């Protein structure tokens, strides 16, 4: 028996991942969140600091020695945060030491948007109370080193609750029935 020969033209190459990068796994989520929340935070800024408050459009427009308000997404840089890829390279499939506390005094917050990022500093930065992914506005002055010295914060707040429908005008009942065995030959239940 001889198998007939056939030519093969692979067409799946366009679906192959050409360059694996794990640096920006969640950036699209944070970018979308920032776009959705920016106007909400801007309104909160007007309520908190007055309607004349100037909010910069982008982090990259910050200038030194002036007070600014800028909206962005927080990123918490944590020195002790485990990196799965690093752990796998170091230990293979064996389980590494687990810690219940990944925070340290070296942790810091960064405010970022689609244009860039700025490190937040000062006594009004509650590093251990905030986490990555929060959209907020920060009011502060850029120091010579390029860090934003935070004076005040503004968060989006709690969204308005959706009004529940009108209560029913008459009683409503739900019946729960079990084991009718409608398909059995005897027509009765199992008991």
N, C-alpha and C. Protein backbone atom coordinates (compact mmCIF):
# COMPACT_ATOMS: atom_id res chain seq x y z
N UNK A 1 0.84 -1.19 0.00
CA UNK A 1 0.00 0.00 0.00
C UNK A 1 0.88 1.24 0.00
N UNK A 2 0.65 2.12 -0.92
CA UNK A 2 1.44 3.34 -1.00
C UNK A 2 0.50 4.54 -0.82
N UNK A 3 0.86 5.36 0.14
CA UNK A 3 0.06 6.55 0.45
C UNK A 3 0.32 7.62 -0.60
N UNK A 4 -0.74 8.28 -1.11
CA UNK A 4 -0.53 9.34 -2.10
C UNK A 4 0.08 10.58 -1.46
N UNK A 5 0.93 11.25 -2.20
CA UNK A 5 1.57 12.47 -1.71
C UNK A 5 0.66 13.67 -1.93
N UNK A 6 0.80 14.62 -1.04
CA UNK A 6 -0.01 15.84 -1.13
C UNK A 6 0.85 17.03 -0.75
N UNK A 7 0.58 18.15 -1.36
CA UNK A 7 1.34 19.35 -0.97
C UNK A 7 0.61 20.05 0.18
N UNK A 8 1.38 20.75 0.98
CA UNK A 8 0.84 21.42 2.17
C UNK A 8 1.32 22.85 2.19
N UNK A 9 0.40 23.76 2.33
CA UNK A 9 0.74 25.18 2.39
C UNK A 9 0.25 25.73 3.74
N UNK A 10 1.14 25.88 4.73
CA UNK A 10 0.70 26.36 6.06
C UNK A 10 0.23 27.81 5.99
N UNK A 11 -0.97 28.04 6.49
CA UNK A 11 -1.54 29.40 6.46
C UNK A 11 -1.82 29.95 7.85
N UNK A 12 -1.38 29.26 8.86
CA UNK A 12 -1.69 29.66 10.23
C UNK A 12 -0.67 30.64 10.83
N UNK A 13 0.39 30.98 10.12
CA UNK A 13 1.45 31.81 10.67
C UNK A 13 0.94 33.16 11.19
N UNK A 14 -0.08 33.70 10.58
CA UNK A 14 -0.57 35.01 11.02
C UNK A 14 -1.15 34.95 12.43
N UNK A 15 -1.45 33.74 12.92
CA UNK A 15 -2.01 33.61 14.25
C UNK A 15 -0.94 33.32 15.31
N UNK A 16 0.27 33.10 14.92
CA UNK A 16 1.34 32.82 15.87
C UNK A 16 1.77 34.10 16.57
N UNK A 17 2.06 33.99 17.86
CA UNK A 17 2.57 35.13 18.62
C UNK A 17 4.03 35.28 18.25
N UNK A 18 4.36 36.41 17.67
CA UNK A 18 5.72 36.61 17.18
C UNK A 18 6.68 37.03 18.28
N UNK A 19 6.22 37.88 19.17
CA UNK A 19 7.08 38.37 20.24
C UNK A 19 6.30 38.33 21.54
N UNK A 20 6.74 37.51 22.47
CA UNK A 20 6.04 37.39 23.74
C UNK A 20 6.49 38.50 24.68
N UNK A 21 5.52 39.24 25.18
CA UNK A 21 5.81 40.32 26.12
C UNK A 21 4.80 40.25 27.24
N UNK A 22 5.29 40.23 28.46
CA UNK A 22 4.40 40.16 29.61
C UNK A 22 4.45 41.45 30.42
N UNK A 23 5.01 42.51 29.85
CA UNK A 23 5.16 43.77 30.57
C UNK A 23 3.86 44.55 30.68
N UNK A 24 2.98 44.45 29.70
CA UNK A 24 1.76 45.24 29.71
C UNK A 24 0.53 44.36 29.59
N UNK A 25 0.43 43.39 30.46
CA UNK A 25 -0.68 42.45 30.38
C UNK A 25 -2.02 43.12 30.62
N UNK A 26 -2.08 44.08 31.52
CA UNK A 26 -3.34 44.66 31.92
C UNK A 26 -3.50 46.11 31.49
N UNK A 27 -2.58 46.63 30.70
CA UNK A 27 -2.61 48.06 30.37
C UNK A 27 -3.89 48.45 29.65
N UNK A 28 -4.42 47.58 28.80
CA UNK A 28 -5.65 47.93 28.09
C UNK A 28 -6.83 48.07 29.05
N UNK A 29 -6.85 47.31 30.12
CA UNK A 29 -7.92 47.41 31.12
C UNK A 29 -7.82 48.75 31.83
N UNK A 30 -6.61 49.13 32.25
CA UNK A 30 -6.44 50.39 32.95
C UNK A 30 -6.69 51.59 32.04
N UNK A 31 -6.32 51.49 30.78
CA UNK A 31 -6.57 52.57 29.84
C UNK A 31 -8.06 52.76 29.63
N UNK A 32 -8.78 51.69 29.45
CA UNK A 32 -10.24 51.76 29.27
C UNK A 32 -10.90 52.33 30.53
N UNK A 33 -10.47 51.88 31.70
CA UNK A 33 -11.03 52.38 32.96
C UNK A 33 -10.79 53.87 33.09
N UNK A 34 -9.60 54.33 32.76
CA UNK A 34 -9.29 55.75 32.85
C UNK A 34 -10.17 56.56 31.90
N UNK A 35 -10.34 56.09 30.68
CA UNK A 35 -11.19 56.79 29.72
C UNK A 35 -12.64 56.88 30.20
N UNK A 36 -13.13 55.81 30.82
CA UNK A 36 -14.51 55.78 31.31
C UNK A 36 -14.69 56.68 32.54
N UNK A 37 -13.67 56.77 33.39
CA UNK A 37 -13.81 57.46 34.68
C UNK A 37 -13.32 58.90 34.68
N UNK A 38 -12.62 59.33 33.66
CA UNK A 38 -11.97 60.64 33.66
C UNK A 38 -12.96 61.78 33.87
N UNK A 39 -14.09 61.77 33.18
CA UNK A 39 -15.08 62.84 33.33
C UNK A 39 -15.74 62.82 34.70
N UNK A 40 -15.94 61.63 35.25
CA UNK A 40 -16.52 61.51 36.59
C UNK A 40 -15.58 62.16 37.60
N UNK A 41 -14.29 61.87 37.50
CA UNK A 41 -13.30 62.45 38.41
C UNK A 41 -13.19 63.95 38.19
N UNK A 42 -13.27 64.39 36.95
CA UNK A 42 -13.20 65.83 36.65
C UNK A 42 -14.35 66.58 37.33
N UNK A 43 -15.55 66.00 37.32
CA UNK A 43 -16.71 66.62 38.00
C UNK A 43 -16.50 66.66 39.51
N UNK A 44 -15.94 65.58 40.05
CA UNK A 44 -15.64 65.56 41.49
C UNK A 44 -14.61 66.63 41.85
N UNK A 45 -13.64 66.86 40.97
CA UNK A 45 -12.63 67.91 41.19
C UNK A 45 -13.31 69.27 41.25
N UNK A 46 -14.25 69.52 40.36
CA UNK A 46 -14.97 70.80 40.35
C UNK A 46 -15.77 70.99 41.62
N UNK A 47 -16.37 69.91 42.13
CA UNK A 47 -17.12 70.00 43.38
C UNK A 47 -16.20 70.23 44.57
N UNK A 48 -15.05 69.59 44.57
CA UNK A 48 -14.14 69.68 45.71
C UNK A 48 -13.33 70.97 45.71
N UNK A 49 -12.80 71.36 44.55
CA UNK A 49 -11.88 72.50 44.48
C UNK A 49 -12.47 73.71 43.76
N UNK A 50 -13.74 73.63 43.38
CA UNK A 50 -14.38 74.76 42.71
C UNK A 50 -14.37 74.60 41.20
N UNK A 51 -15.33 75.25 40.54
CA UNK A 51 -15.47 75.08 39.09
C UNK A 51 -14.32 75.68 38.28
N UNK A 52 -13.53 76.55 38.90
CA UNK A 52 -12.43 77.18 38.15
C UNK A 52 -11.15 76.35 38.17
N UNK A 53 -11.17 75.19 38.83
CA UNK A 53 -9.96 74.36 38.91
C UNK A 53 -9.55 73.90 37.51
N UNK A 54 -8.26 74.03 37.22
CA UNK A 54 -7.71 73.61 35.93
C UNK A 54 -7.14 72.21 36.08
N UNK A 55 -7.65 71.28 35.30
CA UNK A 55 -7.16 69.91 35.31
C UNK A 55 -6.37 69.67 34.02
N UNK A 56 -5.13 69.25 34.18
CA UNK A 56 -4.30 68.95 33.00
C UNK A 56 -4.86 67.76 32.24
N UNK A 57 -4.73 67.80 30.93
CA UNK A 57 -5.22 66.69 30.11
C UNK A 57 -4.33 65.46 30.22
N UNK A 58 -3.02 65.67 30.39
CA UNK A 58 -2.09 64.54 30.39
C UNK A 58 -0.98 64.75 31.41
N UNK A 59 -0.50 63.66 31.94
CA UNK A 59 0.60 63.68 32.90
C UNK A 59 1.84 64.31 32.28
N UNK A 60 2.06 64.09 31.01
CA UNK A 60 3.26 64.59 30.34
C UNK A 60 3.30 66.12 30.31
N UNK A 61 2.18 66.79 30.53
CA UNK A 61 2.14 68.26 30.51
C UNK A 61 2.52 68.90 31.85
N UNK A 62 2.81 68.09 32.88
CA UNK A 62 3.23 68.64 34.17
C UNK A 62 4.53 69.43 34.02
N UNK A 63 4.61 70.57 34.72
CA UNK A 63 5.82 71.38 34.72
C UNK A 63 6.26 71.62 36.16
N UNK A 64 7.56 71.79 36.34
CA UNK A 64 8.13 71.95 37.68
C UNK A 64 7.71 73.25 38.34
N UNK A 65 7.68 73.19 39.69
CA UNK A 65 7.48 74.34 40.57
C UNK A 65 6.15 75.06 40.34
N UNK A 66 5.14 74.36 39.87
CA UNK A 66 3.80 74.90 39.74
C UNK A 66 2.82 73.87 40.30
N UNK A 67 1.72 74.36 40.86
CA UNK A 67 0.70 73.46 41.40
C UNK A 67 -0.23 73.03 40.27
N UNK A 68 -0.46 71.73 40.20
CA UNK A 68 -1.26 71.15 39.13
C UNK A 68 -2.29 70.18 39.69
N UNK A 69 -3.34 69.96 38.91
CA UNK A 69 -4.27 68.86 39.15
C UNK A 69 -4.21 67.99 37.90
N UNK A 70 -4.01 66.71 38.11
CA UNK A 70 -3.92 65.78 36.98
C UNK A 70 -4.67 64.49 37.34
N UNK A 71 -5.32 63.90 36.35
CA UNK A 71 -6.09 62.68 36.55
C UNK A 71 -5.34 61.51 35.92
N UNK A 72 -5.32 60.39 36.62
CA UNK A 72 -4.65 59.21 36.09
C UNK A 72 -5.03 57.96 36.87
N UNK A 73 -4.34 56.89 36.56
CA UNK A 73 -4.54 55.61 37.22
C UNK A 73 -3.34 55.34 38.12
N UNK A 74 -3.61 54.92 39.34
CA UNK A 74 -2.53 54.61 40.27
C UNK A 74 -1.89 53.27 39.93
N UNK A 75 -0.58 53.24 40.08
CA UNK A 75 0.18 52.00 40.00
C UNK A 75 1.03 51.94 41.26
N UNK A 76 0.94 50.84 41.99
CA UNK A 76 1.71 50.69 43.22
C UNK A 76 2.92 49.82 42.93
N UNK A 77 4.10 50.42 43.03
CA UNK A 77 5.35 49.70 42.84
C UNK A 77 5.70 49.03 44.16
N UNK A 78 5.75 47.70 44.14
CA UNK A 78 6.01 46.94 45.36
C UNK A 78 7.25 46.08 45.15
N UNK A 79 8.29 46.35 45.91
CA UNK A 79 9.56 45.64 45.76
C UNK A 79 9.42 44.15 46.08
N UNK A 80 8.53 43.81 47.03
CA UNK A 80 8.40 42.42 47.46
C UNK A 80 7.31 41.65 46.71
N UNK A 81 6.66 42.31 45.74
CA UNK A 81 5.59 41.64 44.99
C UNK A 81 6.21 40.51 44.17
N UNK A 82 5.66 39.30 44.28
CA UNK A 82 6.24 38.19 43.53
C UNK A 82 5.94 38.30 42.04
N UNK A 83 6.88 37.86 41.25
CA UNK A 83 6.71 37.80 39.80
C UNK A 83 6.73 36.32 39.41
N UNK A 84 5.65 35.84 38.88
CA UNK A 84 5.51 34.43 38.56
C UNK A 84 6.61 33.96 37.60
N UNK A 85 6.92 34.77 36.61
CA UNK A 85 7.95 34.38 35.64
C UNK A 85 9.32 34.25 36.29
N UNK A 86 9.66 35.20 37.18
CA UNK A 86 10.95 35.13 37.87
C UNK A 86 11.00 33.90 38.77
N UNK A 87 9.89 33.64 39.48
CA UNK A 87 9.86 32.48 40.36
C UNK A 87 10.02 31.18 39.57
N UNK A 88 9.36 31.10 38.44
CA UNK A 88 9.45 29.90 37.62
C UNK A 88 10.86 29.69 37.10
N UNK A 89 11.51 30.76 36.67
CA UNK A 89 12.88 30.64 36.17
C UNK A 89 13.82 30.21 37.29
N UNK A 90 13.60 30.72 38.49
CA UNK A 90 14.50 30.42 39.60
C UNK A 90 14.28 29.03 40.18
N UNK A 91 13.02 28.60 40.27
CA UNK A 91 12.74 27.36 40.98
C UNK A 91 12.11 26.28 40.13
N UNK A 92 11.79 26.55 38.90
CA UNK A 92 11.10 25.56 38.07
C UNK A 92 9.68 25.38 38.56
N UNK A 93 9.26 24.15 38.69
CA UNK A 93 7.89 23.89 39.12
C UNK A 93 7.76 23.71 40.62
N UNK A 94 8.85 23.81 41.37
CA UNK A 94 8.76 23.66 42.82
C UNK A 94 8.13 24.89 43.43
N UNK A 95 7.48 24.69 44.55
CA UNK A 95 6.80 25.78 45.23
C UNK A 95 7.82 26.62 45.99
N UNK A 96 7.76 27.93 45.78
CA UNK A 96 8.71 28.82 46.44
C UNK A 96 8.15 29.27 47.79
N UNK A 97 8.98 29.97 48.54
CA UNK A 97 8.55 30.50 49.83
C UNK A 97 7.40 31.47 49.62
N UNK A 98 6.35 31.30 50.40
CA UNK A 98 5.21 32.20 50.30
C UNK A 98 5.24 33.16 51.48
N UNK A 99 4.91 34.39 51.20
CA UNK A 99 4.85 35.40 52.24
C UNK A 99 3.42 35.90 52.33
N UNK A 100 2.99 36.26 53.51
CA UNK A 100 1.64 36.80 53.66
C UNK A 100 1.64 38.31 53.58
N UNK A 101 2.83 38.92 53.50
CA UNK A 101 2.92 40.38 53.44
C UNK A 101 3.93 40.77 52.37
N UNK A 102 3.43 41.39 51.31
CA UNK A 102 4.29 41.80 50.21
C UNK A 102 4.62 43.29 50.26
N UNK A 103 4.20 43.97 51.31
CA UNK A 103 4.46 45.40 51.41
C UNK A 103 5.80 45.65 52.08
N UNK A 104 6.37 46.81 51.78
CA UNK A 104 7.61 47.23 52.44
C UNK A 104 7.65 48.75 52.49
N UNK A 105 8.59 49.27 53.22
CA UNK A 105 8.75 50.72 53.32
C UNK A 105 9.26 51.32 52.01
N UNK A 106 9.74 50.49 51.10
CA UNK A 106 10.24 50.96 49.81
C UNK A 106 9.15 51.10 48.75
N UNK A 107 7.92 50.70 49.07
CA UNK A 107 6.82 50.81 48.11
C UNK A 107 6.52 52.27 47.82
N UNK A 108 6.04 52.54 46.60
CA UNK A 108 5.64 53.90 46.25
C UNK A 108 4.54 53.86 45.20
N UNK A 109 3.85 54.99 45.04
CA UNK A 109 2.76 55.10 44.08
C UNK A 109 3.18 55.92 42.88
N UNK A 110 2.64 55.55 41.73
CA UNK A 110 2.88 56.25 40.47
C UNK A 110 1.51 56.58 39.89
N UNK A 111 1.36 57.78 39.35
CA UNK A 111 0.14 58.15 38.63
C UNK A 111 0.47 58.10 37.15
N UNK A 112 -0.33 57.36 36.39
CA UNK A 112 -0.03 57.24 34.96
C UNK A 112 -1.28 57.39 34.11
N UNK A 113 -1.06 57.83 32.90
CA UNK A 113 -2.11 57.86 31.88
C UNK A 113 -1.48 57.43 30.57
N UNK A 114 -2.20 57.63 29.46
CA UNK A 114 -1.69 57.16 28.17
C UNK A 114 -0.44 57.89 27.72
N UNK A 115 -0.13 59.05 28.34
CA UNK A 115 1.02 59.84 27.89
C UNK A 115 2.29 59.60 28.70
N UNK A 116 2.16 59.14 29.93
CA UNK A 116 3.34 58.95 30.77
C UNK A 116 2.97 58.67 32.20
N UNK A 117 3.97 58.81 33.07
CA UNK A 117 3.77 58.52 34.49
C UNK A 117 4.61 59.45 35.33
N UNK A 118 4.16 59.65 36.58
CA UNK A 118 4.90 60.48 37.52
C UNK A 118 4.84 59.82 38.89
N UNK A 119 5.97 59.81 39.60
CA UNK A 119 6.03 59.25 40.94
C UNK A 119 5.39 60.24 41.90
N UNK A 120 4.54 59.73 42.81
CA UNK A 120 3.88 60.56 43.80
C UNK A 120 4.68 60.52 45.10
N UNK A 121 4.86 61.69 45.71
CA UNK A 121 5.64 61.76 46.95
C UNK A 121 4.98 62.74 47.90
N UNK A 122 5.51 62.79 49.12
CA UNK A 122 5.02 63.73 50.11
C UNK A 122 4.32 63.03 51.26
N UNK A 123 4.01 63.81 52.28
CA UNK A 123 3.39 63.24 53.48
C UNK A 123 1.92 62.90 53.28
N UNK A 124 1.31 63.36 52.20
CA UNK A 124 -0.10 63.08 51.93
C UNK A 124 -0.30 61.90 50.98
N UNK A 125 0.68 61.02 50.91
CA UNK A 125 0.59 59.85 50.04
C UNK A 125 0.46 58.60 50.91
N UNK A 126 -0.77 58.09 51.06
CA UNK A 126 -0.98 56.89 51.88
C UNK A 126 -0.67 55.61 51.09
N UNK A 127 0.59 55.35 50.90
CA UNK A 127 1.04 54.25 50.04
C UNK A 127 0.37 52.93 50.41
N UNK A 128 0.29 52.63 51.69
CA UNK A 128 -0.21 51.32 52.12
C UNK A 128 -1.73 51.25 52.17
N UNK A 129 -2.42 52.36 51.89
CA UNK A 129 -3.88 52.37 51.88
C UNK A 129 -4.46 52.29 50.46
N UNK A 130 -3.63 52.44 49.46
CA UNK A 130 -4.11 52.46 48.07
C UNK A 130 -3.48 51.32 47.28
N UNK A 131 -4.11 51.01 46.15
CA UNK A 131 -3.62 49.89 45.33
C UNK A 131 -3.63 50.26 43.85
N UNK A 132 -3.04 49.42 43.06
CA UNK A 132 -2.99 49.60 41.61
C UNK A 132 -4.40 49.58 41.02
N UNK A 133 -4.62 50.46 40.03
CA UNK A 133 -5.87 50.43 39.28
C UNK A 133 -6.90 51.48 39.66
N UNK A 134 -6.64 52.26 40.71
CA UNK A 134 -7.60 53.28 41.14
C UNK A 134 -7.43 54.51 40.26
N UNK A 135 -8.54 55.00 39.71
CA UNK A 135 -8.53 56.23 38.93
C UNK A 135 -8.82 57.37 39.90
N UNK A 136 -7.98 58.41 39.88
CA UNK A 136 -8.14 59.53 40.80
C UNK A 136 -7.48 60.78 40.23
N UNK A 137 -7.73 61.89 40.92
CA UNK A 137 -7.05 63.14 40.60
C UNK A 137 -6.12 63.47 41.75
N UNK A 138 -5.00 64.07 41.42
CA UNK A 138 -4.01 64.46 42.41
C UNK A 138 -3.70 65.94 42.21
N UNK A 139 -3.66 66.67 43.33
CA UNK A 139 -3.29 68.08 43.29
C UNK A 139 -1.94 68.20 43.98
N UNK A 140 -0.97 68.82 43.30
CA UNK A 140 0.34 68.94 43.89
C UNK A 140 1.31 69.72 43.02
N UNK A 141 2.55 69.78 43.50
CA UNK A 141 3.61 70.53 42.83
C UNK A 141 4.71 69.59 42.40
N UNK A 142 5.17 69.74 41.18
CA UNK A 142 6.27 68.91 40.68
C UNK A 142 7.58 69.47 41.22
N UNK A 143 8.34 68.60 41.88
CA UNK A 143 9.64 69.00 42.43
C UNK A 143 10.71 68.90 41.35
N UNK A 144 11.90 69.40 41.68
CA UNK A 144 13.02 69.38 40.73
C UNK A 144 13.37 67.98 40.25
N UNK A 145 13.19 66.98 41.09
CA UNK A 145 13.52 65.61 40.69
C UNK A 145 12.48 64.97 39.79
N UNK A 146 11.39 65.69 39.51
CA UNK A 146 10.36 65.15 38.64
C UNK A 146 9.23 64.44 39.36
N UNK A 147 9.30 64.36 40.70
CA UNK A 147 8.23 63.73 41.46
C UNK A 147 7.14 64.76 41.75
N UNK A 148 5.90 64.28 41.85
CA UNK A 148 4.77 65.15 42.16
C UNK A 148 4.53 65.10 43.66
N UNK A 149 4.76 66.22 44.34
CA UNK A 149 4.54 66.32 45.78
C UNK A 149 3.04 66.54 46.00
N UNK A 150 2.35 65.53 46.50
CA UNK A 150 0.89 65.53 46.61
C UNK A 150 0.43 66.38 47.78
N UNK A 151 -0.52 67.27 47.50
CA UNK A 151 -1.15 68.08 48.54
C UNK A 151 -2.55 67.57 48.87
N UNK A 152 -3.29 67.16 47.83
CA UNK A 152 -4.66 66.66 48.03
C UNK A 152 -5.00 65.61 46.98
N UNK A 153 -6.02 64.82 47.31
CA UNK A 153 -6.52 63.76 46.43
C UNK A 153 -7.98 64.02 46.11
N UNK A 154 -8.44 63.48 44.99
CA UNK A 154 -9.86 63.49 44.65
C UNK A 154 -10.19 62.17 43.96
N UNK A 155 -11.14 61.46 44.54
CA UNK A 155 -11.55 60.16 44.00
C UNK A 155 -12.92 60.27 43.35
N UNK A 156 -13.28 59.32 42.49
CA UNK A 156 -14.55 59.43 41.76
C UNK A 156 -15.79 59.33 42.64
N UNK A 157 -15.68 58.75 43.79
CA UNK A 157 -16.85 58.60 44.66
C UNK A 157 -17.66 57.37 44.31
N UNK A 158 -18.79 57.25 44.97
CA UNK A 158 -19.67 56.10 44.77
C UNK A 158 -20.70 56.47 43.70
N UNK A 159 -20.92 55.61 42.71
CA UNK A 159 -21.89 55.95 41.66
C UNK A 159 -23.31 56.01 42.21
N UNK A 160 -24.15 56.77 41.54
CA UNK A 160 -25.55 56.87 41.94
C UNK A 160 -26.20 55.49 41.82
N UNK A 161 -27.05 55.19 42.80
CA UNK A 161 -27.72 53.90 42.77
C UNK A 161 -28.83 53.89 41.74
N UNK A 162 -29.01 52.76 41.12
CA UNK A 162 -30.10 52.60 40.16
C UNK A 162 -31.39 52.43 40.96
N UNK A 163 -32.39 53.21 40.61
CA UNK A 163 -33.65 53.17 41.33
C UNK A 163 -34.34 51.83 41.07
N UNK A 164 -34.76 51.21 42.15
CA UNK A 164 -35.48 49.95 42.02
C UNK A 164 -36.86 50.21 41.44
N UNK A 165 -37.41 49.22 40.80
CA UNK A 165 -38.75 49.36 40.23
C UNK A 165 -39.80 49.53 41.32
N UNK A 166 -41.00 49.90 40.92
CA UNK A 166 -42.10 50.04 41.88
C UNK A 166 -42.39 48.70 42.52
N UNK A 167 -42.79 48.71 43.80
CA UNK A 167 -43.12 47.44 44.45
C UNK A 167 -44.38 46.84 43.80
N UNK A 168 -44.51 45.52 43.84
CA UNK A 168 -45.69 44.89 43.24
C UNK A 168 -46.97 45.35 43.93
N UNK A 169 -48.05 45.44 43.17
CA UNK A 169 -49.33 45.89 43.73
C UNK A 169 -50.09 44.75 44.37
N UNK A 170 -49.78 43.53 44.03
CA UNK A 170 -50.43 42.38 44.67
C UNK A 170 -49.37 41.35 45.02
N UNK A 171 -49.74 40.42 45.89
CA UNK A 171 -48.80 39.40 46.34
C UNK A 171 -48.33 38.54 45.18
N UNK A 172 -47.06 38.17 45.22
CA UNK A 172 -46.50 37.27 44.21
C UNK A 172 -45.97 36.05 44.93
N UNK A 173 -46.16 34.89 44.31
CA UNK A 173 -45.77 33.64 44.93
C UNK A 173 -44.86 32.85 44.00
N UNK A 174 -43.99 32.09 44.60
CA UNK A 174 -43.13 31.17 43.86
C UNK A 174 -43.38 29.78 44.41
N UNK A 175 -43.59 28.82 43.53
CA UNK A 175 -43.82 27.44 43.95
C UNK A 175 -42.60 26.62 43.58
N UNK A 176 -42.06 25.90 44.55
CA UNK A 176 -40.94 24.99 44.31
C UNK A 176 -41.48 23.57 44.41
N UNK A 177 -41.36 22.80 43.34
CA UNK A 177 -41.88 21.44 43.31
C UNK A 177 -40.74 20.52 42.92
N UNK A 178 -40.69 19.36 43.57
CA UNK A 178 -39.61 18.43 43.29
C UNK A 178 -40.16 17.01 43.17
N UNK A 179 -39.53 16.21 42.34
CA UNK A 179 -39.78 14.77 42.23
C UNK A 179 -41.21 14.42 41.82
N UNK A 180 -41.73 15.04 40.78
CA UNK A 180 -43.05 14.68 40.28
C UNK A 180 -43.02 13.40 39.45
N UNK A 181 -41.88 13.10 38.88
CA UNK A 181 -41.69 11.89 38.08
C UNK A 181 -42.76 11.77 37.00
N UNK A 182 -42.98 12.81 36.27
CA UNK A 182 -44.00 12.84 35.23
C UNK A 182 -43.74 11.85 34.11
N UNK A 183 -42.54 11.41 33.93
CA UNK A 183 -42.22 10.50 32.83
C UNK A 183 -42.27 9.04 33.25
N UNK A 184 -42.52 8.76 34.51
CA UNK A 184 -42.51 7.36 34.95
C UNK A 184 -43.81 6.67 34.55
N UNK A 185 -43.79 5.34 34.41
CA UNK A 185 -44.95 4.56 33.98
C UNK A 185 -46.06 4.59 35.02
N UNK A 186 -45.71 4.57 36.31
CA UNK A 186 -46.73 4.54 37.35
C UNK A 186 -47.31 5.92 37.62
N UNK A 187 -46.61 6.98 37.18
CA UNK A 187 -47.13 8.34 37.35
C UNK A 187 -46.87 8.89 38.73
N UNK A 188 -46.38 8.12 39.64
CA UNK A 188 -46.15 8.60 41.00
C UNK A 188 -44.71 9.00 41.21
N UNK A 189 -44.44 9.49 42.39
CA UNK A 189 -43.09 9.88 42.76
C UNK A 189 -42.24 8.68 43.08
N UNK A 190 -41.07 8.92 43.58
CA UNK A 190 -40.15 7.82 43.88
C UNK A 190 -40.38 7.26 45.26
N UNK A 191 -41.25 7.85 46.02
CA UNK A 191 -41.35 7.46 47.39
C UNK A 191 -42.51 6.70 47.72
